[in-house]
Protein backbone atom coordinates (compact mmCIF):
# COMPACT_ATOMS: atom_id res chain seq x y z
CA MET A 1 144.17 98.02 93.23
CA LYS A 2 145.98 95.42 91.20
CA ASP A 3 147.08 92.29 93.10
CA MET A 4 150.88 92.51 93.27
CA ASN A 5 151.88 89.33 95.12
CA VAL A 6 154.18 86.93 93.30
CA PRO A 7 152.03 83.77 93.37
CA SER A 8 149.03 85.57 91.88
CA ARG A 9 151.17 87.09 89.14
CA LEU A 10 152.82 83.75 88.35
CA ALA A 11 149.37 82.19 88.06
CA LYS A 12 148.70 84.45 85.06
CA LEU A 13 151.53 82.94 83.04
CA SER A 14 150.82 80.37 80.40
CA TYR A 15 153.08 77.56 79.25
CA LEU A 16 153.30 75.51 76.12
CA THR A 17 154.99 72.37 77.38
CA ASP A 18 157.40 70.58 75.11
CA ASP A 19 156.53 66.97 75.92
CA GLU A 20 159.28 65.68 73.63
CA GLU A 21 162.32 67.57 74.94
CA SER A 22 163.29 68.98 78.32
CA HIS A 23 165.43 72.11 78.17
CA ILE A 24 167.03 71.21 81.52
CA GLU A 25 169.24 68.17 82.09
CA VAL A 26 170.87 67.32 85.41
CA ASN A 27 174.12 65.41 85.67
CA GLN A 28 173.04 63.41 88.71
CA GLU A 29 176.55 62.19 89.52
CA VAL A 30 177.99 65.71 89.69
CA ALA A 31 174.89 66.98 91.51
CA LYS A 32 175.24 64.35 94.23
CA ARG A 33 178.98 64.92 94.56
CA THR A 34 178.58 68.70 94.91
CA GLY A 35 175.36 68.70 96.93
CA ALA A 36 173.78 71.00 94.32
CA GLY A 37 170.22 69.84 94.97
CA LYS A 38 169.63 71.94 98.06
CA LEU A 39 170.96 75.04 96.31
CA LEU A 40 168.77 74.54 93.23
CA VAL A 41 165.68 73.94 95.35
CA ARG A 42 166.40 77.11 97.35
CA VAL A 43 167.07 79.51 94.47
CA CYS A 44 164.48 78.52 91.86
CA PRO A 45 161.55 80.96 92.02
CA ALA A 46 159.26 78.52 90.17
CA HIS A 47 160.07 75.49 92.37
CA VAL A 48 161.21 73.50 89.33
CA TYR A 49 163.70 71.43 91.34
CA SER A 50 163.16 68.94 94.14
CA GLU A 51 165.75 66.76 95.85
CA GLN A 52 165.20 63.15 96.81
CA ALA A 53 166.67 61.60 99.98
CA ASP A 54 169.47 60.00 97.94
CA GLY A 55 170.52 63.36 96.44
CA THR A 56 168.84 62.79 93.08
CA ILE A 57 167.37 65.99 91.64
CA ASP A 58 163.97 65.88 89.99
CA VAL A 59 163.08 68.55 87.42
CA GLU A 60 159.58 69.79 86.58
CA TYR A 61 160.78 71.68 83.50
CA ALA A 62 157.27 72.60 82.36
CA ALA A 63 157.04 75.13 85.21
CA CYS A 64 160.34 76.84 84.35
CA LEU A 65 160.30 80.65 84.11
CA GLU A 66 163.46 80.56 81.96
CA CYS A 67 165.15 83.09 84.24
CA GLY A 68 168.50 81.27 84.27
CA THR A 69 169.02 81.57 88.02
CA CYS A 70 169.72 77.85 88.35
CA LEU A 71 172.33 77.96 85.62
CA ALA A 72 174.02 80.96 87.21
CA VAL A 73 174.43 79.33 90.63
CA ALA A 74 174.82 75.62 89.89
CA PRO A 75 178.30 74.17 90.30
CA PRO A 76 180.05 73.54 86.96
CA GLY A 77 178.85 70.42 85.16
CA VAL A 78 175.60 70.00 87.09
CA LEU A 79 173.21 71.45 84.50
CA LYS A 80 172.80 71.47 80.76
CA TRP A 81 170.30 74.27 80.14
CA HIS A 82 169.02 75.94 76.99
CA TYR A 83 165.89 77.83 76.10
CA PRO A 84 162.97 75.66 74.99
CA ARG A 85 162.40 75.10 71.30
CA SER A 86 160.73 77.90 69.39
CA GLY A 87 157.15 78.47 70.46
CA MET A 88 157.53 76.37 73.62
CA GLY A 89 157.98 77.35 77.24
CA VAL A 90 156.61 80.26 79.24
CA ALA A 91 154.53 83.10 77.81
CA TYR A 92 154.64 86.24 79.93
CA ARG A 93 151.45 88.28 80.18
CA GLU A 94 152.75 91.18 82.28
CA GLY A 95 155.88 93.28 82.03
């Protein structure tokens, strides 16, 4: 039987990382003011976001699944998000 757990399926994905341009930018001032870090850490299925003790949000954009969940839940002004440049980002292997 095919392994159906999420971590094993995510491990099958491949990524072409755009080392020149992140497709996610965080407005750290707005993020700290709104406390958005904890929310982004909680909702991101790929664990792209981490929050530092001072409220700064770190982004590991190379792991992004491009699902848009973060953009949908982040308070206004926290994120600038767009799909990676053509040919970059995640490549899905399963439907």
